[in-house]
C-alpha atoms as a PDB file:
ATOM      1  CA  ALA A   1     105.490 153.619  79.611  1.00  0.00           C
ATOM      2  CA  THR A   2     103.985 151.616  76.735  1.00  0.00           C
ATOM      3  CA  ILE A   3     107.359 151.319  74.998  1.00  0.00           C
ATOM      4  CA  VAL A   4     109.153 150.248  78.183  1.00  0.00           C
ATOM      5  CA  LEU A   5     106.504 147.716  79.244  1.00  0.00           C
ATOM      6  CA  THR A   6     106.332 146.301  75.715  1.00  0.00           C
ATOM      7  CA  GLY A   7     110.125 146.038  75.595  1.00  0.00           C
ATOM      8  CA  ILE A   8     110.372 144.241  78.942  1.00  0.00           C
ATOM      9  CA  GLY A   9     107.538 141.978  77.838  1.00  0.00           C
ATOM     10  CA  MET A  10     109.425 141.209  74.624  1.00  0.00           C
ATOM     11  CA  GLU A  11     112.438 140.165  76.685  1.00  0.00           C
ATOM     12  CA  PHE A  12     110.352 137.768  78.781  1.00  0.00           C
ATOM     13  CA  PHE A  13     108.575 136.305  75.761  1.00  0.00           C
ATOM     14  CA  CYS A  14     111.809 135.912  73.805  1.00  0.00           C
ATOM     15  CA  PHE A  15     113.389 134.205  76.791  1.00  0.00           C
ATOM     16  CA  SER A  16     110.470 131.874  77.491  1.00  0.00           C
ATOM     17  CA  LEU A  17     109.612 130.984  73.894  1.00  0.00           C
ATOM     18  CA  LEU A  18     112.910 131.103  72.009  1.00  0.00           C
ATOM     19  CA  ILE A  19     115.944 130.951  74.285  1.00  0.00           C
ATOM     20  CA  LYS A  20     115.272 129.347  77.666  1.00  0.00           C
ATOM     21  CA  ASP A  21     118.362 127.265  78.483  1.00  0.00           C
ATOM     22  CA  ALA A  22     119.607 127.069  74.900  1.00  0.00           C
ATOM     23  CA  TRP A  23     122.000 130.023  74.718  1.00  0.00           C
ATOM     24  CA  ASP A  24     124.657 128.602  72.440  1.00  0.00           C
ATOM     25  CA  LEU A  25     127.190 129.998  69.985  1.00  0.00           C
ATOM     26  CA  ASN A  26     124.493 130.636  67.356  1.00  0.00           C
ATOM     27  CA  THR A  27     122.416 132.597  69.850  1.00  0.00           C
ATOM     28  CA  GLU A  28     125.490 134.587  70.863  1.00  0.00           C
ATOM     29  CA  ASN A  29     126.210 135.425  67.225  1.00  0.00           C
ATOM     30  CA  ARG A  30     122.610 136.571  66.700  1.00  0.00           C
ATOM     31  CA  TRP A  31     122.906 138.729  69.828  1.00  0.00           C
ATOM     32  CA  ARG A  32     126.046 140.377  68.467  1.00  0.00           C
ATOM     33  CA  PHE A  33     124.404 140.932  65.070  1.00  0.00           C
ATOM     34  CA  VAL A  34     121.476 142.676  66.760  1.00  0.00           C
ATOM     35  CA  GLN A  35     123.950 144.936  68.578  1.00  0.00           C
ATOM     36  CA  PHE A  36     125.623 145.640  65.221  1.00  0.00           C
ATOM     37  CA  LEU A  37     122.265 146.773  63.765  1.00  0.00           C
ATOM     38  CA  PHE A  38     121.448 149.025  66.723  1.00  0.00           C
ATOM     39  CA  PRO A  39     123.037 152.299  65.457  1.00  0.00           C
ATOM     40  CA  LEU A  40     121.325 152.061  62.050  1.00  0.00           C
ATOM     41  CA  LEU A  41     117.902 151.228  63.464  1.00  0.00           C
ATOM     42  CA  ALA A  42     118.146 153.817  66.253  1.00  0.00           C
ATOM     43  CA  SER A  43     119.222 156.528  63.777  1.00  0.00           C
ATOM     44  CA  THR A  44     116.266 155.624  61.577  1.00  0.00           C
ATOM     45  CA  ALA A  45     113.863 155.807  64.538  1.00  0.00           C
ATOM     46  CA  VAL A  46     115.219 159.238  65.536  1.00  0.00           C
ATOM     47  CA  GLY A  47     114.858 160.491  61.958  1.00  0.00           C
ATOM     48  CA  MET A  48     111.316 159.161  61.711  1.00  0.00           C
ATOM     49  CA  ALA A  49     110.386 160.827  65.011  1.00  0.00           C
ATOM     50  CA  HIS A  50     111.707 164.171  63.782  1.00  0.00           C
ATOM     51  CA  SER A  51     109.649 163.626  60.604  1.00  0.00           C
ATOM     52  CA  ASN A  52     106.520 162.950  62.708  1.00  0.00           C
ATOM     53  CA  ASN A  53     106.268 159.376  61.480  1.00  0.00           C
ATOM     54  CA  PHE A  54     104.556 157.224  64.105  1.00  0.00           C
ATOM     55  CA  TRP A  55     106.326 154.088  62.845  1.00  0.00           C
ATOM     56  CA  ALA A  56     109.154 155.420  64.991  1.00  0.00           C
ATOM     57  CA  LEU A  57     107.377 153.953  68.041  1.00  0.00           C
ATOM     58  CA  PRO A  58     107.492 150.245  67.118  1.00  0.00           C
ATOM     59  CA  LEU A  59     110.927 150.684  65.566  1.00  0.00           C
ATOM     60  CA  ILE A  60     112.454 152.257  68.684  1.00  0.00           C
ATOM     61  CA  THR A  61     110.863 149.552  70.848  1.00  0.00           C
ATOM     62  CA  ILE A  62     112.409 146.769  68.778  1.00  0.00           C
ATOM     63  CA  THR A  63     115.718 148.642  68.636  1.00  0.00           C
ATOM     64  CA  LEU A  64     116.092 149.541  72.315  1.00  0.00           C
ATOM     65  CA  TYR A  65     115.135 146.062  73.480  1.00  0.00           C
ATOM     66  CA  LYS A  66     117.186 144.420  70.738  1.00  0.00           C
ATOM     67  CA  PHE A  67     114.487 142.240  69.213  1.00  0.00           C
ATOM     68  CA  GLY A  68     113.607 140.829  72.627  1.00  0.00           C
ATOM     69  CA  PHE A  69     116.994 139.459  73.653  1.00  0.00           C
ATOM     70  CA  PRO A  70     116.794 139.342  77.477  1.00  0.00           C
ATOM     71  CA  GLU A  71     119.377 141.998  78.265  1.00  0.00           C
ATOM     72  CA  THR A  72     117.687 143.943  81.066  1.00  0.00           C
ATOM     73  CA  ILE A  73     116.246 140.950  82.920  1.00  0.00           C
ATOM     74  CA  LEU A  74     119.551 139.047  82.789  1.00  0.00           C
ATOM     75  CA  TYR A  75     121.456 141.998  84.255  1.00  0.00           C
ATOM     76  CA  LEU A  76     118.981 142.406  87.106  1.00  0.00           C
ATOM     77  CA  TYR A  77     118.637 138.676  87.760  1.00  0.00           C
ATOM     78  CA  SER A  78     122.399 138.141  87.878  1.00  0.00           C
ATOM     79  CA  GLY A  79     122.915 141.023  90.265  1.00  0.00           C
ATOM     80  CA  LEU A  80     120.075 140.150  92.603  1.00  0.00           C
ATOM     81  CA  PHE A  81     120.110 136.345  92.675  1.00  0.00           C
ATOM     82  CA  ASP A  82     123.335 134.855  91.246  1.00  0.00           C
ATOM     83  CA  LYS A  83     125.242 133.932  94.403  1.00  0.00           C
ATOM     84  CA  SER A  84     128.076 132.332  92.414  1.00  0.00           C
ATOM     85  CA  MET A  85     129.326 135.849  91.567  1.00  0.00           C
ATOM     86  CA  ASN A  86     131.275 137.976  94.010  1.00  0.00           C
ATOM     87  CA  ALA A  87     129.719 141.088  95.535  1.00  0.00           C
ATOM     88  CA  GLY A  88     131.537 143.470  93.196  1.00  0.00           C
ATOM     89  CA  ASN A  89     130.273 141.764  90.067  1.00  0.00           C
ATOM     90  CA  ARG A  90     126.766 141.507  91.443  1.00  0.00           C
ATOM     91  CA  TRP A  91     126.769 145.264  92.040  1.00  0.00           C
ATOM     92  CA  LYS A  92     128.072 145.713  88.511  1.00  0.00           C
ATOM     93  CA  GLU A  93     125.150 143.719  87.081  1.00  0.00           C
ATOM     94  CA  VAL A  94     122.614 145.627  89.198  1.00  0.00           C
ATOM     95  CA  LEU A  95     124.005 148.974  88.047  1.00  0.00           C
ATOM     96  CA  GLU A  96     123.984 147.770  84.424  1.00  0.00           C
ATOM     97  CA  GLY A  97     120.358 146.705  84.802  1.00  0.00           C
ATOM     98  CA  ILE A  98     119.207 149.933  86.458  1.00  0.00           C
ATOM     99  CA  GLY A  99     121.203 151.973  83.954  1.00  0.00           C
ATOM    100  CA  THR A 100     119.577 150.105  81.074  1.00  0.00           C
ATOM    101  CA  VAL A 101     116.077 150.700  82.465  1.00  0.00           C
ATOM    102  CA  ILE A 102     116.777 154.439  82.861  1.00  0.00           C
ATOM    103  CA  HIS A 103     118.531 154.681  79.486  1.00  0.00           C
ATOM    104  CA  HIS A 104     115.737 152.975  77.553  1.00  0.00           C
ATOM    105  CA  SER A 105     113.038 154.922  79.398  1.00  0.00           C
ATOM    106  CA  SER A 106     114.788 158.220  78.609  1.00  0.00           C
ATOM    107  CA  ALA A 107     115.250 157.294  74.962  1.00  0.00           C
ATOM    108  CA  ALA A 108     111.598 156.240  74.659  1.00  0.00           C
ATOM    109  CA  LEU A 109     110.442 159.514  76.251  1.00  0.00           C
ATOM    110  CA  TYR A 110     112.688 161.526  73.917  1.00  0.00           C
ATOM    111  CA  ILE A 111     111.306 159.796  70.814  1.00  0.00           C
ATOM    112  CA  THR A 112     107.715 160.231  71.988  1.00  0.00           C
ATOM    113  CA  MET A 113     108.110 163.921  72.836  1.00  0.00           C
ATOM    114  CA  VAL A 114     109.810 164.658  69.506  1.00  0.00           C
ATOM    115  CA  LEU A 115     107.124 162.713  67.668  1.00  0.00           C
ATOM    116  CA  VAL A 116     104.247 164.727  69.156  1.00  0.00           C
ATOM    117  CA  GLN A 117     106.284 167.949  68.753  1.00  0.00           C
ATOM    118  CA  ILE A 118     106.586 168.757  72.446  1.00  0.00           C
ATOM    119  CA  ILE A 119     110.319 168.809  71.778  1.00  0.00           C
ATOM    120  CA  PRO A 120     110.857 170.765  68.546  1.00  0.00           C
ATOM    121  CA  SER A 121     113.140 169.463  65.845  1.00  0.00           C
ATOM    122  CA  THR A 122     116.103 171.800  66.196  1.00  0.00           C
ATOM    123  CA  ARG A 123     119.873 171.506  66.095  1.00  0.00           C
ATOM    124  CA  SER A 124     120.156 171.359  69.884  1.00  0.00           C
ATOM    125  CA  THR A 125     117.615 168.535  70.164  1.00  0.00           C
ATOM    126  CA  VAL A 126     119.314 166.496  67.458  1.00  0.00           C
ATOM    127  CA  GLU A 127     122.969 166.970  68.353  1.00  0.00           C
ATOM    128  CA  VAL A 128     122.543 165.498  71.864  1.00  0.00           C
ATOM    129  CA  VAL A 129     121.678 162.120  70.310  1.00  0.00           C
ATOM    130  CA  ILE A 130     124.599 161.847  67.903  1.00  0.00           C
ATOM    131  CA  PRO A 131     127.357 160.923  70.407  1.00  0.00           C
ATOM    132  CA  VAL A 132     125.212 158.110  71.843  1.00  0.00           C
ATOM    133  CA  LEU A 133     124.629 156.672  68.378  1.00  0.00           C
ATOM    134  CA  VAL A 134     128.352 156.872  67.610  1.00  0.00           C
ATOM    135  CA  GLN A 135     129.129 155.008  70.850  1.00  0.00           C
ATOM    136  CA  HIS A 136     127.145 152.059  69.544  1.00  0.00           C
ATOM    137  CA  TRP A 137     129.283 151.906  66.401  1.00  0.00           C
ATOM    138  CA  PHE A 138     132.092 150.414  68.468  1.00  0.00           C
ATOM    139  CA  VAL A 139     130.197 148.141  70.859  1.00  0.00           C
ATOM    140  CA  LEU A 140     131.469 144.923  69.266  1.00  0.00           C
ATOM    141  CA  LEU A 141     135.074 145.912  70.028  1.00  0.00           C
ATOM    142  CA  ARG A 142     134.574 144.768  73.630  1.00  0.00           C
ATOM    143  CA  TYR A 143     134.527 141.129  72.559  1.00  0.00           C
ATOM    144  CA  ARG A 144     138.019 141.204  71.040  1.00  0.00           C
ATOM    145  CA  TYR A 145     139.759 144.475  71.898  1.00  0.00           C
ATOM    146  CA  ARG A 146     138.450 145.277  75.344  1.00  0.00           C
ATOM    147  CA  TYR A 147     140.872 148.028  76.331  1.00  0.00           C
ATOM    148  CA  VAL A 148     140.597 149.713  72.931  1.00  0.00           C
ATOM    149  CA  TYR A 149     136.838 149.664  73.448  1.00  0.00           C
ATOM    150  CA  VAL A 150     137.219 151.249  76.888  1.00  0.00           C
ATOM    151  CA  VAL A 151     139.393 154.088  75.566  1.00  0.00           C
ATOM    152  CA  VAL A 152     137.112 154.776  72.589  1.00  0.00           C
ATOM    153  CA  GLU A 153     133.978 154.762  74.742  1.00  0.00           C
ATOM    154  CA  ILE A 154     135.509 157.107  77.332  1.00  0.00           C
ATOM    155  CA  LEU A 155     136.433 159.622  74.626  1.00  0.00           C
ATOM    156  CA  LEU A 156     132.943 159.413  73.129  1.00  0.00           C
ATOM    157  CA  GLU A 157     131.421 159.689  76.599  1.00  0.00           C
ATOM    158  CA  LEU A 158     133.294 162.969  77.141  1.00  0.00           C
ATOM    159  CA  TRP A 159     131.855 164.237  73.848  1.00  0.00           C
ATOM    160  CA  PHE A 160     128.352 163.141  74.877  1.00  0.00           C
ATOM    161  CA  GLU A 161     128.480 164.720  78.325  1.00  0.00           C
ATOM    162  CA  TRP A 162     129.985 167.940  77.009  1.00  0.00           C
ATOM    163  CA  THR A 163     127.191 168.149  74.408  1.00  0.00           C
ATOM    164  CA  VAL A 164     124.409 167.423  76.907  1.00  0.00           C
ATOM    165  CA  LEU A 165     125.685 169.782  79.596  1.00  0.00           C
ATOM    166  CA  SER A 166     126.226 172.520  77.006  1.00  0.00           C
ATOM    167  CA  SER A 167     122.692 172.084  75.664  1.00  0.00           C
ATOM    168  CA  LEU A 168     120.918 171.416  78.971  1.00  0.00           C
ATOM    169  CA  GLU A 169     119.739 174.995  79.536  1.00  0.00           C
ATOM    170  CA  VAL A 170     118.504 175.286  75.950  1.00  0.00           C
ATOM    171  CA  VAL A 171     116.555 172.028  75.914  1.00  0.00           C
ATOM    172  CA  HIS A 172     115.132 172.717  79.377  1.00  0.00           C
ATOM    173  CA  LYS A 173     113.731 176.053  78.170  1.00  0.00           C
ATOM    174  CA  LYS A 174     111.993 174.305  75.271  1.00  0.00           C
ATOM    175  CA  HIS A 175     110.143 172.063  77.762  1.00  0.00           C
ATOM    176  CA  TRP A 176     110.937 171.162  81.360  1.00  0.00           C
ATOM    177  CA  VAL A 177     110.601 167.425  80.621  1.00  0.00           C
ATOM    178  CA  SER A 178     113.387 167.807  78.043  1.00  0.00           C
ATOM    179  CA  GLY A 179     115.747 168.640  80.898  1.00  0.00           C
ATOM    180  CA  ILE A 180     114.617 165.510  82.748  1.00  0.00           C
ATOM    181  CA  VAL A 181     115.260 163.384  79.649  1.00  0.00           C
ATOM    182  CA  ALA A 182     118.772 164.795  79.261  1.00  0.00           C
ATOM    183  CA  THR A 183     119.583 164.471  82.970  1.00  0.00           C
ATOM    184  CA  SER A 184     118.268 160.917  83.260  1.00  0.00           C
ATOM    185  CA  MET A 185     120.291 159.897  80.222  1.00  0.00           C
ATOM    186  CA  LEU A 186     123.368 161.339  81.920  1.00  0.00           C
ATOM    187  CA  VAL A 187     122.569 159.377  85.082  1.00  0.00           C
ATOM    188  CA  SER A 188     122.246 156.136  83.107  1.00  0.00           C
ATOM    189  CA  HIS A 189     125.646 156.735  81.516  1.00  0.00           C
ATOM    190  CA  TRP A 190     127.213 157.414  84.922  1.00  0.00           C
ATOM    191  CA  LEU A 191     125.800 154.096  86.150  1.00  0.00           C
ATOM    192  CA  TYR A 192     127.259 152.356  83.079  1.00  0.00           C
ATOM    193  CA  PHE A 193     130.607 154.023  83.738  1.00  0.00           C
ATOM    194  CA  ILE A 194     130.674 152.905  87.389  1.00  0.00           C
ATOM    195  CA  ALA A 195     129.581 149.395  86.387  1.00  0.00           C
ATOM    196  CA  GLY A 196     132.345 149.236  83.793  1.00  0.00           C
ATOM    197  CA  GLY A 197     134.917 150.205  86.392  1.00  0.00           C
ATOM    198  CA  LEU A 198     133.639 147.538  88.777  1.00  0.00           C
ATOM    199  CA  GLY A 199     133.765 144.987  85.968  1.00  0.00           C
ATOM    200  CA  LEU A 200     137.373 145.762  85.117  1.00  0.00           C
ATOM    201  CA  TYR A 201     138.373 145.480  88.769  1.00  0.00           C
ATOM    202  CA  PHE A 202     136.370 142.495  89.964  1.00  0.00           C
ATOM    203  CA  GLU A 203     136.049 140.162  86.977  1.00  0.00           C
ATOM    204  CA  LYS A 204     139.698 139.124  87.135  1.00  0.00           C
ATOM    205  CA  SER A 205     139.259 137.984  90.724  1.00  0.00           C
ATOM    206  CA  ASP A 206     135.954 136.183  90.140  1.00  0.00           C
ATOM    207  CA  THR A 207     136.581 132.561  89.246  1.00  0.00           C
ATOM    208  CA  ALA A 208     132.891 132.133  88.469  1.00  0.00           C
ATOM    209  CA  GLN A 209     133.221 134.477  85.508  1.00  0.00           C
ATOM    210  CA  SER A 210     134.134 132.906  82.178  1.00  0.00           C
ATOM    211  CA  ASP A 211     136.059 134.613  79.413  1.00  0.00           C
ATOM    212  CA  ASP A 212     133.364 133.376  77.038  1.00  0.00           C
ATOM    213  CA  PRO A 213     130.317 135.686  77.248  1.00  0.00           C
ATOM    214  CA  ALA A 214     128.116 133.025  75.646  1.00  0.00           C
ATOM    215  CA  LEU A 215     128.852 130.647  78.518  1.00  0.00           C
ATOM    216  CA  ARG A 216     128.178 133.357  81.093  1.00  0.00           C
ATOM    217  CA  ARG A 217     124.820 134.114  79.564  1.00  0.00           C
ATOM    218  CA  LEU A 218     123.977 130.412  79.241  1.00  0.00           C
ATOM    219  CA  LYS A 219     124.687 129.953  82.933  1.00  0.00           C
ATOM    220  CA  THR A 220     122.500 132.927  83.827  1.00  0.00           C
ATOM    221  CA  VAL A 221     119.685 131.766  81.555  1.00  0.00           C
ATOM    222  CA  ARG A 222     119.757 128.313  83.104  1.00  0.00           C
ATOM    223  CA  ASN A 223     119.569 129.836  86.577  1.00  0.00           C
ATOM    224  CA  LEU A 224     116.717 132.128  85.592  1.00  0.00           C
ATOM    225  CA  ASN A 225     114.019 129.550  86.241  1.00  0.00           C
ATOM    226  CA  ALA A 226     111.069 131.811  86.913  1.00  0.00           C
ATOM    227  CA  PHE A 227     109.545 130.485  83.717  1.00  0.00           C
ATOM    228  CA  GLY A 228     110.227 126.922  84.765  1.00  0.00           C
ATOM    229  CA  ASP A 229     107.424 127.109  87.317  1.00  0.00           C
ATOM    230  CA  LEU A 230     105.211 128.667  84.670  1.00  0.00           C
ATOM    231  CA  ASP A 231     105.945 125.826  82.254  1.00  0.00           C
ATOM    232  CA  GLU A 232     105.145 123.264  84.947  1.00  0.00           C
ATOM    233  CA  HIS A 233     101.858 125.074  85.616  1.00  0.00           C
ATOM    234  CA  PHE A 234     100.878 124.948  81.944  1.00  0.00           C
ATOM    235  CA  ASN A 235     101.984 121.320  81.660  1.00  0.00           C
ATOM    236  CA  ASP A 236      99.814 120.416  84.656  1.00  0.00           C
ATOM    237  CA  GLU A 237      96.861 122.203  83.087  1.00  0.00           C
ATOM    238  CA  GLU A 238      97.399 120.369  79.798  1.00  0.00           C
ATOM    239  CA  SER A 239      97.593 117.028  81.596  1.00  0.00           C
ATOM    240  CA  GLU A 240      94.376 117.744  83.468  1.00  0.00           C
ATOM    241  CA  ALA A 241      92.668 118.804  80.246  1.00  0.00           C
ATOM    242  CA  GLN A 242      93.779 115.608  78.495  1.00  0.00           C
ATOM    243  CA  THR A 243      92.587 113.503  81.416  1.00  0.00           C
ATOM    244  CA  GLY A 244      89.226 115.241  81.394  1.00  0.00           C
ATOM    245  CA  SER A 245      88.804 114.722  77.658  1.00  0.00           C
ATOM    246  CA  GLU A 246      89.610 111.027  77.990  1.00  0.00           C
ATOM    247  CA  ASP A 247      86.969 110.662  80.706  1.00  0.00           C
END
């Protein structure tokens, strides 16, 4: 819970302090670079957890929540409140957001349980992670070679699900929560898979969707004005404080 709450908090702070309505090409490039680093940092966090190194906790938090880039909150906001998108794409964003919450929670629980040796460091508990890490090797393909990305990810997803389902009985016997971690990770991937299918089908018919992901995110960030009210509140407090000091 600490990792998840810290990660969501990082997303809000990064949005409110660093990004706000300024998602431009430079921000998009930084976002892609963070995605590029994900497999290396996640592999390091997994290795540290299996070596009982508690630095795995801050590292996996930074890695899962991608240095605070507002991934989860943008998915959920777009799906719940962006009325410029059609119903299919809004469902896609909701499923992406829920899948991300489940995925990150499962990964955080896995790291924690390995770290405190509830889940032992064995072949079966390591091999279930490898296909997921390999999937992130190819994540940047979706920006240029979308259909190649889809084919590669489907093949890797088959590897992942085969590995998890083959190891499910073994990991469940080691600790019952291990089975929950594996099953919830499967559920998150099924949600991603359904969301991807909806995206392929509906995005072509949605005129509100731009081919430029930076522009899509900029539009969403500008619409996400929950922090706008907060800024106005702080500005009002500062004005009152200045007025009181002048008196």
